[in-house]
Amino acid sequence: MLVVKEPKEQGDAKEQGNDDNSTEEPVTAISEDNEAVEVVTTAKLIIEVIAAVSETVSAAAIVPTVTAAVVPAATVTPAPVEVAVPSTRRRRGVVIMDP
């Protein structure tokens, strides 16, 4: 594990600038270490989830079916539907007049 050391004495701006440049590498190394720790932690979490799921699946495969009773299905009766169908035969309007 890398530890970042702060400068003991504060000098002028040039010295602090040089110190900042010299501390960039360890800071980068620390961020890389943190990233590596995150990757390892994520991998462990994934392994735990896979193990838990495989246990659940194997336990579900062992559970016997207890229900032997047959449940009758509900009978659906359709309601009659009235549809207005237009007449297919056209009638002529014939008027018969008496003379």
N, C-alpha and C. Protein backbone atom coordinates (compact mmCIF):
# COMPACT_ATOMS: atom_id res chain seq x y z
N MET A 1 0.85 -1.16 0.00
CA MET A 1 0.00 0.00 0.00
C MET A 1 0.89 1.22 0.00
N LEU A 2 0.59 2.19 -0.83
CA LEU A 2 1.37 3.41 -0.92
C LEU A 2 0.77 4.49 -0.06
N VAL A 3 1.63 5.26 0.59
CA VAL A 3 1.18 6.35 1.44
C VAL A 3 1.73 7.64 0.88
N VAL A 4 0.87 8.64 0.76
CA VAL A 4 1.29 9.94 0.26
C VAL A 4 1.81 10.75 1.43
N LYS A 5 3.03 11.26 1.30
CA LYS A 5 3.63 12.09 2.35
C LYS A 5 3.51 13.54 1.95
N GLU A 6 3.09 14.35 2.89
CA GLU A 6 2.99 15.78 2.64
C GLU A 6 4.33 16.42 2.96
N PRO A 7 4.67 17.52 2.29
CA PRO A 7 5.95 18.18 2.57
C PRO A 7 5.95 18.75 3.99
N LYS A 8 7.10 18.63 4.66
CA LYS A 8 7.21 19.10 6.05
C LYS A 8 7.28 20.61 6.12
N GLU A 9 7.98 21.22 5.19
CA GLU A 9 8.14 22.67 5.20
C GLU A 9 7.49 23.25 3.96
N GLN A 10 6.86 24.37 4.14
CA GLN A 10 6.27 25.04 2.99
C GLN A 10 7.25 26.07 2.49
N GLY A 11 7.70 25.92 1.26
CA GLY A 11 8.65 26.84 0.67
C GLY A 11 7.93 27.79 -0.27
N ASP A 12 8.68 28.34 -1.20
CA ASP A 12 8.06 29.24 -2.15
C ASP A 12 7.24 28.45 -3.18
N ALA A 13 6.61 29.15 -4.09
CA ALA A 13 5.69 28.52 -5.05
C ALA A 13 6.42 27.53 -5.96
N LYS A 14 7.68 27.82 -6.29
CA LYS A 14 8.42 26.93 -7.18
C LYS A 14 8.65 25.58 -6.50
N GLU A 15 9.01 25.61 -5.24
CA GLU A 15 9.25 24.35 -4.53
C GLU A 15 7.95 23.56 -4.38
N GLN A 16 6.87 24.27 -4.08
CA GLN A 16 5.59 23.58 -3.94
C GLN A 16 5.17 22.98 -5.28
N GLY A 17 5.45 23.70 -6.35
CA GLY A 17 5.12 23.18 -7.67
C GLY A 17 5.90 21.91 -7.96
N ASN A 18 7.16 21.89 -7.57
CA ASN A 18 7.97 20.69 -7.77
C ASN A 18 7.47 19.56 -6.88
N ASP A 19 7.09 19.90 -5.65
CA ASP A 19 6.58 18.88 -4.74
C ASP A 19 5.27 18.29 -5.27
N ASP A 20 4.43 19.16 -5.85
CA ASP A 20 3.17 18.67 -6.39
C ASP A 20 3.42 17.70 -7.54
N ASN A 21 4.40 18.01 -8.37
CA ASN A 21 4.71 17.12 -9.48
C ASN A 21 5.27 15.80 -8.98
N SER A 22 6.04 15.85 -7.90
CA SER A 22 6.63 14.62 -7.39
C SER A 22 5.59 13.77 -6.68
N THR A 23 4.52 14.37 -6.17
CA THR A 23 3.50 13.58 -5.46
C THR A 23 2.42 13.07 -6.40
N GLU A 24 2.45 13.46 -7.66
CA GLU A 24 1.42 12.99 -8.58
C GLU A 24 1.52 11.50 -8.83
N GLU A 25 2.71 10.99 -8.91
CA GLU A 25 2.86 9.56 -9.18
C GLU A 25 2.29 8.71 -8.06
N PRO A 26 2.61 8.99 -6.78
CA PRO A 26 2.02 8.16 -5.73
C PRO A 26 0.49 8.31 -5.67
N VAL A 27 -0.02 9.50 -5.94
CA VAL A 27 -1.48 9.67 -5.94
C VAL A 27 -2.09 8.82 -7.04
N THR A 28 -1.47 8.80 -8.20
CA THR A 28 -1.94 7.96 -9.29
C THR A 28 -1.86 6.50 -8.90
N ALA A 29 -0.78 6.13 -8.24
CA ALA A 29 -0.63 4.74 -7.81
C ALA A 29 -1.70 4.39 -6.79
N ILE A 30 -2.03 5.33 -5.91
CA ILE A 30 -3.07 5.06 -4.92
C ILE A 30 -4.42 4.90 -5.61
N SER A 31 -4.70 5.74 -6.59
CA SER A 31 -5.98 5.61 -7.30
C SER A 31 -6.03 4.29 -8.06
N GLU A 32 -4.89 3.85 -8.60
CA GLU A 32 -4.85 2.55 -9.27
C GLU A 32 -5.06 1.43 -8.26
N ASP A 33 -4.49 1.57 -7.06
CA ASP A 33 -4.70 0.57 -6.02
C ASP A 33 -6.17 0.53 -5.62
N ASN A 34 -6.78 1.71 -5.49
CA ASN A 34 -8.20 1.75 -5.14
C ASN A 34 -9.05 1.10 -6.23
N GLU A 35 -8.67 1.33 -7.47
CA GLU A 35 -9.40 0.72 -8.57
C GLU A 35 -9.23 -0.80 -8.54
N ALA A 36 -8.04 -1.27 -8.23
CA ALA A 36 -7.80 -2.71 -8.14
C ALA A 36 -8.62 -3.31 -7.00
N VAL A 37 -8.71 -2.59 -5.88
CA VAL A 37 -9.50 -3.07 -4.75
C VAL A 37 -10.97 -3.15 -5.15
N GLU A 38 -11.46 -2.16 -5.90
CA GLU A 38 -12.84 -2.18 -6.36
C GLU A 38 -13.10 -3.36 -7.28
N VAL A 39 -12.16 -3.65 -8.16
CA VAL A 39 -12.32 -4.77 -9.09
C VAL A 39 -12.39 -6.08 -8.32
N VAL A 40 -11.50 -6.24 -7.35
CA VAL A 40 -11.49 -7.48 -6.56
C VAL A 40 -12.77 -7.60 -5.76
N THR A 41 -13.21 -6.49 -5.16
CA THR A 41 -14.44 -6.52 -4.37
C THR A 41 -15.63 -6.87 -5.26
N THR A 42 -15.68 -6.30 -6.45
CA THR A 42 -16.77 -6.60 -7.38
C THR A 42 -16.74 -8.06 -7.80
N ALA A 43 -15.57 -8.59 -8.05
CA ALA A 43 -15.45 -10.00 -8.43
C ALA A 43 -15.93 -10.91 -7.31
N LYS A 44 -15.57 -10.58 -6.07
CA LYS A 44 -16.03 -11.38 -4.94
C LYS A 44 -17.54 -11.33 -4.81
N LEU A 45 -18.11 -10.15 -5.01
CA LEU A 45 -19.56 -10.00 -4.93
C LEU A 45 -20.25 -10.81 -6.01
N ILE A 46 -19.70 -10.81 -7.21
CA ILE A 46 -20.28 -11.59 -8.31
C ILE A 46 -20.22 -13.08 -7.98
N ILE A 47 -19.12 -13.52 -7.41
CA ILE A 47 -18.98 -14.93 -7.04
C ILE A 47 -20.01 -15.30 -5.99
N GLU A 48 -20.23 -14.42 -4.99
CA GLU A 48 -21.22 -14.70 -3.95
C GLU A 48 -22.63 -14.78 -4.54
N VAL A 49 -22.95 -13.89 -5.47
CA VAL A 49 -24.28 -13.90 -6.08
C VAL A 49 -24.48 -15.17 -6.88
N ILE A 50 -23.47 -15.58 -7.64
CA ILE A 50 -23.58 -16.80 -8.43
C ILE A 50 -23.76 -18.01 -7.52
N ALA A 51 -23.03 -18.04 -6.41
CA ALA A 51 -23.16 -19.15 -5.47
C ALA A 51 -24.57 -19.18 -4.87
N ALA A 52 -25.10 -18.01 -4.51
CA ALA A 52 -26.44 -17.95 -3.92
C ALA A 52 -27.50 -18.39 -4.92
N VAL A 53 -27.35 -17.98 -6.17
CA VAL A 53 -28.33 -18.35 -7.19
C VAL A 53 -28.26 -19.84 -7.47
N SER A 54 -27.08 -20.40 -7.53
CA SER A 54 -26.98 -21.83 -7.81
C SER A 54 -27.56 -22.65 -6.67
N GLU A 55 -27.41 -22.18 -5.42
CA GLU A 55 -28.03 -22.87 -4.29
C GLU A 55 -29.54 -22.79 -4.39
N THR A 56 -30.07 -21.65 -4.77
CA THR A 56 -31.51 -21.48 -4.90
C THR A 56 -32.06 -22.37 -6.00
N VAL A 57 -31.37 -22.44 -7.12
CA VAL A 57 -31.83 -23.27 -8.22
C VAL A 57 -31.80 -24.73 -7.84
N SER A 58 -30.75 -25.19 -7.19
CA SER A 58 -30.67 -26.59 -6.80
C SER A 58 -31.71 -26.91 -5.73
N ALA A 59 -32.00 -25.97 -4.83
CA ALA A 59 -33.02 -26.20 -3.82
C ALA A 59 -34.40 -26.25 -4.45
N ALA A 60 -34.64 -25.44 -5.46
CA ALA A 60 -35.93 -25.45 -6.15
C ALA A 60 -36.13 -26.74 -6.92
N ALA A 61 -35.07 -27.33 -7.41
CA ALA A 61 -35.18 -28.58 -8.15
C ALA A 61 -35.53 -29.74 -7.22
N ILE A 62 -35.19 -29.65 -5.94
CA ILE A 62 -35.43 -30.73 -4.99
C ILE A 62 -36.85 -30.70 -4.43
N VAL A 63 -37.48 -29.55 -4.38
CA VAL A 63 -38.80 -29.41 -3.76
C VAL A 63 -39.82 -30.23 -4.55
N PRO A 64 -40.49 -31.21 -3.88
CA PRO A 64 -41.49 -32.02 -4.59
C PRO A 64 -42.80 -31.25 -4.73
N THR A 65 -43.60 -31.67 -5.69
CA THR A 65 -44.90 -31.04 -5.86
C THR A 65 -45.89 -31.72 -4.93
N VAL A 66 -46.53 -30.95 -4.08
CA VAL A 66 -47.43 -31.48 -3.06
C VAL A 66 -48.87 -31.41 -3.54
N THR A 67 -49.20 -30.51 -4.40
CA THR A 67 -50.59 -30.32 -4.82
C THR A 67 -50.99 -31.41 -5.79
N ALA A 68 -51.95 -32.25 -5.35
CA ALA A 68 -52.48 -33.30 -6.20
C ALA A 68 -53.93 -33.03 -6.54
N ALA A 69 -54.56 -32.06 -5.88
CA ALA A 69 -55.96 -31.75 -6.12
C ALA A 69 -56.11 -31.04 -7.46
N VAL A 70 -57.18 -31.39 -8.16
CA VAL A 70 -57.45 -30.78 -9.44
C VAL A 70 -58.43 -29.64 -9.22
N VAL A 71 -58.08 -28.48 -9.66
CA VAL A 71 -58.94 -27.31 -9.51
C VAL A 71 -59.76 -27.18 -10.79
N PRO A 72 -61.11 -27.22 -10.67
CA PRO A 72 -61.92 -27.11 -11.88
C PRO A 72 -61.79 -25.71 -12.48
N ALA A 73 -61.75 -25.69 -13.78
CA ALA A 73 -61.63 -24.41 -14.47
C ALA A 73 -62.99 -23.72 -14.50
N ALA A 74 -63.00 -22.44 -14.44
CA ALA A 74 -64.24 -21.68 -14.49
C ALA A 74 -64.81 -21.76 -15.90
N THR A 75 -66.13 -21.96 -15.98
CA THR A 75 -66.79 -22.05 -17.27
C THR A 75 -67.20 -20.65 -17.71
N VAL A 76 -66.80 -20.30 -18.88
CA VAL A 76 -67.12 -18.98 -19.41
C VAL A 76 -68.24 -19.14 -20.43
N THR A 77 -69.36 -18.45 -20.19
CA THR A 77 -70.46 -18.48 -21.15
C THR A 77 -70.53 -17.12 -21.81
N PRO A 78 -70.45 -17.08 -23.11
CA PRO A 78 -70.47 -15.78 -23.79
C PRO A 78 -71.88 -15.18 -23.75
N ALA A 79 -71.96 -13.91 -23.54
CA ALA A 79 -73.24 -13.21 -23.54
C ALA A 79 -73.67 -12.98 -24.99
N PRO A 80 -74.98 -13.08 -25.26
CA PRO A 80 -75.43 -12.85 -26.63
C PRO A 80 -75.19 -11.40 -27.03
N VAL A 81 -74.75 -11.24 -28.25
CA VAL A 81 -74.43 -9.91 -28.75
C VAL A 81 -75.40 -9.58 -29.88
N GLU A 82 -76.04 -8.41 -29.79
CA GLU A 82 -76.94 -7.98 -30.84
C GLU A 82 -76.18 -7.06 -31.79
N VAL A 83 -76.24 -7.42 -33.05
CA VAL A 83 -75.54 -6.63 -34.05
C VAL A 83 -76.57 -6.16 -35.07
N ALA A 84 -76.56 -4.89 -35.36
CA ALA A 84 -77.47 -4.34 -36.37
C ALA A 84 -76.86 -4.55 -37.74
N VAL A 85 -77.46 -5.48 -38.50
CA VAL A 85 -76.95 -5.80 -39.82
C VAL A 85 -77.80 -5.08 -40.86
N PRO A 86 -77.20 -4.31 -41.73
CA PRO A 86 -78.01 -3.63 -42.75
C PRO A 86 -78.58 -4.65 -43.73
N SER A 87 -79.73 -4.33 -44.27
CA SER A 87 -80.40 -5.23 -45.20
C SER A 87 -79.55 -5.38 -46.45
N THR A 88 -79.41 -6.61 -46.90
CA THR A 88 -78.62 -6.87 -48.10
C THR A 88 -79.46 -6.70 -49.36
N ARG A 89 -80.78 -6.75 -49.24
CA ARG A 89 -81.67 -6.64 -50.39
C ARG A 89 -82.20 -5.22 -50.46
N ARG A 90 -82.01 -4.58 -51.60
CA ARG A 90 -82.51 -3.22 -51.77
C ARG A 90 -83.94 -3.27 -52.30
N ARG A 91 -84.74 -2.47 -51.73
CA ARG A 91 -86.13 -2.41 -52.18
C ARG A 91 -86.37 -1.08 -52.89
N ARG A 92 -87.19 -1.17 -53.92
CA ARG A 92 -87.54 0.04 -54.64
C ARG A 92 -88.81 0.61 -54.02
N GLY A 93 -88.80 1.87 -53.95
CA GLY A 93 -90.02 2.52 -53.46
C GLY A 93 -91.02 2.69 -54.59
N VAL A 94 -91.98 1.78 -54.68
CA VAL A 94 -92.97 1.81 -55.75
C VAL A 94 -94.29 2.32 -55.16
N VAL A 95 -94.80 3.33 -55.77
CA VAL A 95 -96.07 3.89 -55.30
C VAL A 95 -97.14 3.55 -56.36
N ILE A 96 -98.18 2.89 -55.96
CA ILE A 96 -99.26 2.53 -56.87
C ILE A 96 -100.41 3.52 -56.61
N MET A 97 -100.77 4.20 -57.65
CA MET A 97 -101.83 5.20 -57.52
C MET A 97 -103.10 4.70 -58.23
N ASP A 98 -104.21 4.87 -57.61
CA ASP A 98 -105.49 4.51 -58.24
C ASP A 98 -105.91 5.65 -59.17
N PRO A 99 -106.52 5.29 -60.41
CA PRO A 99 -106.95 6.34 -61.33
C PRO A 99 -108.27 6.95 -60.96
